[in-house]
Amino acid sequence: MASKKARGKRAKTRYKIAAPAIKASVNKHLQSFEAGQTVQIVINGSIHAGIPFRRFHGLTGTVMSMQGRAVKMNVKQGNRPCTVIVGAVHVKPIHQTEKAA
């Protein structure tokens, strides 16, 4: 008799959520973001706490607020806006350059 297939949070993520060789630093854990700041979700496979669903890996959104050590942010998934709560370790700030007019 065949076993039922496992369907956890990290199913089908062998390459997408591979643990990096270097662990996250303390500064990465303690980083905070301002409301309205543009950030990108980059999942760090070595930290399990606050990990978002694999569908959100690589998406860019704006920060609504900090919620404890996590970041509450708006992300567009296709045409549908989503609110995602992600651990600060899995979020990377995007430094936008202003174009000269």
N, C-alpha and C. Protein backbone atom coordinates (compact mmCIF):
# COMPACT_ATOMS: atom_id res chain seq x y z
N MET A 1 0.84 -1.17 0.00
CA MET A 1 0.00 0.00 0.00
C MET A 1 0.89 1.25 0.00
N ALA A 2 0.58 2.18 -0.87
CA ALA A 2 1.40 3.38 -1.02
C ALA A 2 1.08 4.38 0.09
N SER A 3 2.11 5.09 0.51
CA SER A 3 1.92 6.13 1.53
C SER A 3 1.37 7.39 0.89
N LYS A 4 0.70 8.20 1.71
CA LYS A 4 0.18 9.47 1.22
C LYS A 4 1.32 10.47 1.08
N LYS A 5 1.30 11.25 0.01
CA LYS A 5 2.37 12.21 -0.27
C LYS A 5 2.37 13.35 0.74
N ALA A 6 3.55 13.69 1.23
CA ALA A 6 3.69 14.79 2.18
C ALA A 6 3.46 16.13 1.47
N ARG A 7 2.70 17.02 2.10
CA ARG A 7 2.40 18.32 1.51
C ARG A 7 2.62 19.43 2.53
N GLY A 8 3.84 19.57 3.01
CA GLY A 8 4.14 20.59 4.00
C GLY A 8 4.41 21.95 3.38
N LYS A 9 4.86 22.89 4.22
CA LYS A 9 5.16 24.25 3.76
C LYS A 9 6.25 24.28 2.72
N ARG A 10 7.20 23.36 2.83
CA ARG A 10 8.37 23.40 1.96
C ARG A 10 8.32 22.37 0.84
N ALA A 11 7.14 21.86 0.52
CA ALA A 11 7.01 20.90 -0.57
C ALA A 11 7.34 21.58 -1.90
N LYS A 12 8.06 20.89 -2.77
CA LYS A 12 8.44 21.37 -4.11
C LYS A 12 9.35 22.60 -4.05
N THR A 13 10.23 22.67 -3.06
CA THR A 13 11.08 23.85 -2.92
C THR A 13 12.56 23.48 -2.85
N ARG A 14 12.97 22.42 -3.48
CA ARG A 14 14.35 21.96 -3.35
C ARG A 14 15.36 23.03 -3.73
N TYR A 15 15.13 23.74 -4.83
CA TYR A 15 16.09 24.75 -5.28
C TYR A 15 15.66 26.16 -4.90
N LYS A 16 14.36 26.38 -4.75
CA LYS A 16 13.86 27.71 -4.44
C LYS A 16 14.22 28.13 -3.01
N ILE A 17 14.12 27.21 -2.05
CA ILE A 17 14.38 27.52 -0.65
C ILE A 17 15.58 26.71 -0.16
N ALA A 18 16.64 26.67 -0.92
CA ALA A 18 17.85 25.98 -0.48
C ALA A 18 18.55 26.84 0.56
N ALA A 19 19.05 26.22 1.62
CA ALA A 19 19.72 26.96 2.68
C ALA A 19 21.05 27.50 2.17
N PRO A 20 21.32 28.80 2.36
CA PRO A 20 22.59 29.35 1.90
C PRO A 20 23.76 28.86 2.75
N ALA A 21 24.96 29.02 2.25
CA ALA A 21 26.14 28.56 2.97
C ALA A 21 26.42 29.41 4.20
N ILE A 22 26.03 30.69 4.16
CA ILE A 22 26.28 31.60 5.27
C ILE A 22 24.98 31.84 6.02
N LYS A 23 25.01 31.73 7.33
CA LYS A 23 23.83 31.96 8.16
C LYS A 23 23.56 33.47 8.24
N ALA A 24 22.32 33.81 8.56
CA ALA A 24 21.94 35.22 8.68
C ALA A 24 22.57 35.82 9.93
N SER A 25 23.02 37.07 9.82
CA SER A 25 23.68 37.75 10.93
C SER A 25 22.62 38.31 11.89
N VAL A 26 23.08 38.79 13.02
CA VAL A 26 22.20 39.39 14.01
C VAL A 26 21.55 40.64 13.44
N ASN A 27 22.29 41.42 12.67
CA ASN A 27 21.74 42.63 12.07
C ASN A 27 20.59 42.32 11.13
N LYS A 28 20.68 41.20 10.44
CA LYS A 28 19.61 40.79 9.52
C LYS A 28 18.34 40.44 10.31
N HIS A 29 18.50 39.82 11.48
CA HIS A 29 17.36 39.48 12.32
C HIS A 29 16.70 40.72 12.91
N LEU A 30 17.50 41.72 13.23
CA LEU A 30 16.99 42.90 13.93
C LEU A 30 16.64 44.06 13.01
N GLN A 31 16.73 43.89 11.70
CA GLN A 31 16.45 45.01 10.80
C GLN A 31 14.97 45.40 10.87
N SER A 32 14.72 46.69 10.70
CA SER A 32 13.35 47.20 10.70
C SER A 32 13.15 48.05 9.45
N PHE A 33 11.90 48.21 9.07
CA PHE A 33 11.57 48.91 7.83
C PHE A 33 10.53 49.98 8.13
N GLU A 34 10.56 51.04 7.34
CA GLU A 34 9.59 52.13 7.47
C GLU A 34 8.36 51.82 6.62
N ALA A 35 7.22 52.36 7.01
CA ALA A 35 5.99 52.20 6.24
C ALA A 35 6.17 52.89 4.88
N GLY A 36 5.78 52.22 3.82
CA GLY A 36 5.91 52.76 2.47
C GLY A 36 7.20 52.39 1.77
N GLN A 37 8.12 51.75 2.47
CA GLN A 37 9.40 51.35 1.87
C GLN A 37 9.18 50.15 0.94
N THR A 38 9.89 50.12 -0.18
CA THR A 38 9.78 49.01 -1.13
C THR A 38 10.78 47.93 -0.76
N VAL A 39 10.28 46.70 -0.63
CA VAL A 39 11.12 45.57 -0.23
C VAL A 39 10.80 44.36 -1.11
N GLN A 40 11.71 43.39 -1.08
CA GLN A 40 11.55 42.17 -1.86
C GLN A 40 11.60 40.98 -0.91
N ILE A 41 10.77 39.97 -1.17
CA ILE A 41 10.76 38.75 -0.36
C ILE A 41 11.79 37.79 -0.94
N VAL A 42 12.82 37.49 -0.14
CA VAL A 42 13.85 36.53 -0.53
C VAL A 42 13.96 35.54 0.62
N ILE A 43 13.45 34.33 0.42
CA ILE A 43 13.38 33.35 1.49
C ILE A 43 14.77 32.82 1.82
N ASN A 44 15.10 32.84 3.12
CA ASN A 44 16.35 32.28 3.62
C ASN A 44 16.03 30.90 4.19
N GLY A 45 16.49 29.86 3.55
CA GLY A 45 16.13 28.50 3.92
C GLY A 45 16.71 28.03 5.24
N SER A 46 17.73 28.72 5.76
CA SER A 46 18.33 28.30 7.02
C SER A 46 17.53 28.78 8.22
N ILE A 47 16.61 29.73 8.04
CA ILE A 47 15.77 30.23 9.13
C ILE A 47 14.34 29.79 8.86
N HIS A 48 13.74 29.01 9.75
CA HIS A 48 12.39 28.50 9.52
C HIS A 48 11.31 29.42 10.06
N ALA A 49 11.64 30.25 11.05
CA ALA A 49 10.65 31.12 11.66
C ALA A 49 10.28 32.25 10.71
N GLY A 50 8.98 32.52 10.56
CA GLY A 50 8.52 33.63 9.75
C GLY A 50 8.63 33.41 8.26
N ILE A 51 8.77 32.16 7.84
CA ILE A 51 8.96 31.87 6.41
C ILE A 51 7.62 32.01 5.68
N PRO A 52 7.57 32.74 4.57
CA PRO A 52 6.33 32.86 3.81
C PRO A 52 6.11 31.65 2.91
N PHE A 53 4.95 31.56 2.33
CA PHE A 53 4.65 30.48 1.40
C PHE A 53 5.53 30.65 0.16
N ARG A 54 5.90 29.56 -0.47
CA ARG A 54 6.85 29.58 -1.59
C ARG A 54 6.39 30.44 -2.76
N ARG A 55 5.10 30.63 -2.91
CA ARG A 55 4.55 31.43 -4.01
C ARG A 55 5.02 32.89 -3.95
N PHE A 56 5.35 33.37 -2.75
CA PHE A 56 5.71 34.77 -2.58
C PHE A 56 7.20 35.04 -2.74
N HIS A 57 8.01 34.02 -2.94
CA HIS A 57 9.46 34.19 -3.08
C HIS A 57 9.77 35.02 -4.32
N GLY A 58 10.52 36.10 -4.14
CA GLY A 58 10.92 36.95 -5.26
C GLY A 58 9.98 38.10 -5.56
N LEU A 59 8.82 38.16 -4.89
CA LEU A 59 7.88 39.24 -5.17
C LEU A 59 8.30 40.52 -4.45
N THR A 60 7.93 41.64 -5.04
CA THR A 60 8.24 42.95 -4.50
C THR A 60 6.97 43.60 -4.00
N GLY A 61 7.05 44.28 -2.87
CA GLY A 61 5.87 44.95 -2.31
C GLY A 61 6.28 46.13 -1.46
N THR A 62 5.27 46.75 -0.85
CA THR A 62 5.51 47.90 0.02
C THR A 62 5.16 47.53 1.45
N VAL A 63 5.94 48.06 2.38
CA VAL A 63 5.75 47.77 3.81
C VAL A 63 4.56 48.56 4.32
N MET A 64 3.65 47.86 5.02
CA MET A 64 2.54 48.54 5.69
C MET A 64 2.97 48.95 7.09
N SER A 65 3.56 48.00 7.83
CA SER A 65 4.02 48.27 9.19
C SER A 65 4.89 47.12 9.67
N MET A 66 5.55 47.35 10.80
CA MET A 66 6.26 46.27 11.47
C MET A 66 5.29 45.65 12.47
N GLN A 67 5.31 44.34 12.57
CA GLN A 67 4.43 43.63 13.50
C GLN A 67 5.31 42.74 14.37
N GLY A 68 5.81 43.31 15.46
CA GLY A 68 6.79 42.61 16.28
C GLY A 68 8.11 42.57 15.51
N ARG A 69 8.64 41.36 15.30
CA ARG A 69 9.87 41.22 14.52
C ARG A 69 9.57 40.92 13.06
N ALA A 70 8.30 40.88 12.69
CA ALA A 70 7.89 40.57 11.33
C ALA A 70 7.51 41.84 10.57
N VAL A 71 7.40 41.70 9.26
CA VAL A 71 7.03 42.81 8.39
C VAL A 71 5.68 42.50 7.76
N LYS A 72 4.74 43.43 7.91
CA LYS A 72 3.44 43.30 7.26
C LYS A 72 3.50 44.12 5.98
N MET A 73 3.25 43.47 4.83
CA MET A 73 3.46 44.16 3.57
C MET A 73 2.38 43.83 2.55
N ASN A 74 2.20 44.73 1.60
CA ASN A 74 1.28 44.52 0.48
C ASN A 74 2.07 44.01 -0.71
N VAL A 75 1.57 42.94 -1.34
CA VAL A 75 2.20 42.34 -2.51
C VAL A 75 1.11 42.10 -3.54
N LYS A 76 1.44 42.31 -4.80
CA LYS A 76 0.48 41.97 -5.86
C LYS A 76 0.81 40.59 -6.40
N GLN A 77 -0.16 39.71 -6.36
CA GLN A 77 -0.02 38.36 -6.90
C GLN A 77 -0.88 38.31 -8.15
N GLY A 78 -0.25 38.53 -9.30
CA GLY A 78 -1.02 38.71 -10.52
C GLY A 78 -1.69 40.08 -10.45
N ASN A 79 -3.01 40.12 -10.55
CA ASN A 79 -3.74 41.38 -10.41
C ASN A 79 -4.35 41.54 -9.02
N ARG A 80 -4.21 40.53 -8.18
CA ARG A 80 -4.85 40.53 -6.87
C ARG A 80 -3.88 41.02 -5.79
N PRO A 81 -4.26 42.05 -5.02
CA PRO A 81 -3.39 42.49 -3.92
C PRO A 81 -3.50 41.55 -2.73
N CYS A 82 -2.38 41.25 -2.11
CA CYS A 82 -2.32 40.36 -0.95
C CYS A 82 -1.58 41.05 0.18
N THR A 83 -1.99 40.74 1.40
CA THR A 83 -1.26 41.18 2.58
C THR A 83 -0.50 39.99 3.12
N VAL A 84 0.81 40.13 3.25
CA VAL A 84 1.67 39.03 3.67
C VAL A 84 2.44 39.47 4.92
N ILE A 85 2.53 38.57 5.90
CA ILE A 85 3.33 38.82 7.09
C ILE A 85 4.55 37.92 7.01
N VAL A 86 5.73 38.52 6.94
CA VAL A 86 6.97 37.80 6.70
C VAL A 86 7.99 38.16 7.78
N GLY A 87 8.78 37.19 8.20
CA GLY A 87 9.86 37.48 9.14
C GLY A 87 10.88 38.40 8.50
N ALA A 88 11.49 39.26 9.29
CA ALA A 88 12.42 40.27 8.77
C ALA A 88 13.64 39.66 8.10
N VAL A 89 13.99 38.43 8.44
CA VAL A 89 15.14 37.77 7.83
C VAL A 89 14.88 37.47 6.36
N HIS A 90 13.63 37.29 5.99
CA HIS A 90 13.25 36.90 4.64
C HIS A 90 12.91 38.10 3.75
N VAL A 91 13.23 39.30 4.21
CA VAL A 91 12.92 40.52 3.47
C VAL A 91 14.20 41.27 3.17
N LYS A 92 14.31 41.77 1.93
CA LYS A 92 15.50 42.51 1.51
C LYS A 92 15.07 43.89 1.02
N PRO A 93 15.68 44.97 1.54
CA PRO A 93 15.31 46.30 1.06
C PRO A 93 15.78 46.53 -0.37
N ILE A 94 15.00 47.28 -1.11
CA ILE A 94 15.37 47.64 -2.48
C ILE A 94 15.76 49.11 -2.47
N HIS A 95 16.96 49.39 -2.91
CA HIS A 95 17.46 50.76 -2.96
C HIS A 95 17.13 51.30 -4.34
N GLN A 96 16.15 52.18 -4.40
CA GLN A 96 15.73 52.75 -5.68
C GLN A 96 16.57 53.98 -5.98
N THR A 97 17.00 54.08 -7.23
CA THR A 97 17.76 55.25 -7.65
C THR A 97 16.80 56.22 -8.34
N GLU A 98 16.92 57.48 -7.99
CA GLU A 98 16.07 58.48 -8.60
C GLU A 98 16.64 58.89 -9.94
N LYS A 99 15.76 58.95 -10.94
CA LYS A 99 16.19 59.35 -12.28
C LYS A 99 16.20 60.86 -12.38
N ALA A 100 17.21 61.39 -13.05
CA ALA A 100 17.30 62.84 -13.25
C ALA A 100 16.26 63.26 -14.28
N ALA A 101 15.51 64.31 -13.98
CA ALA A 101 14.45 64.76 -14.87
C ALA A 101 14.98 65.70 -15.93
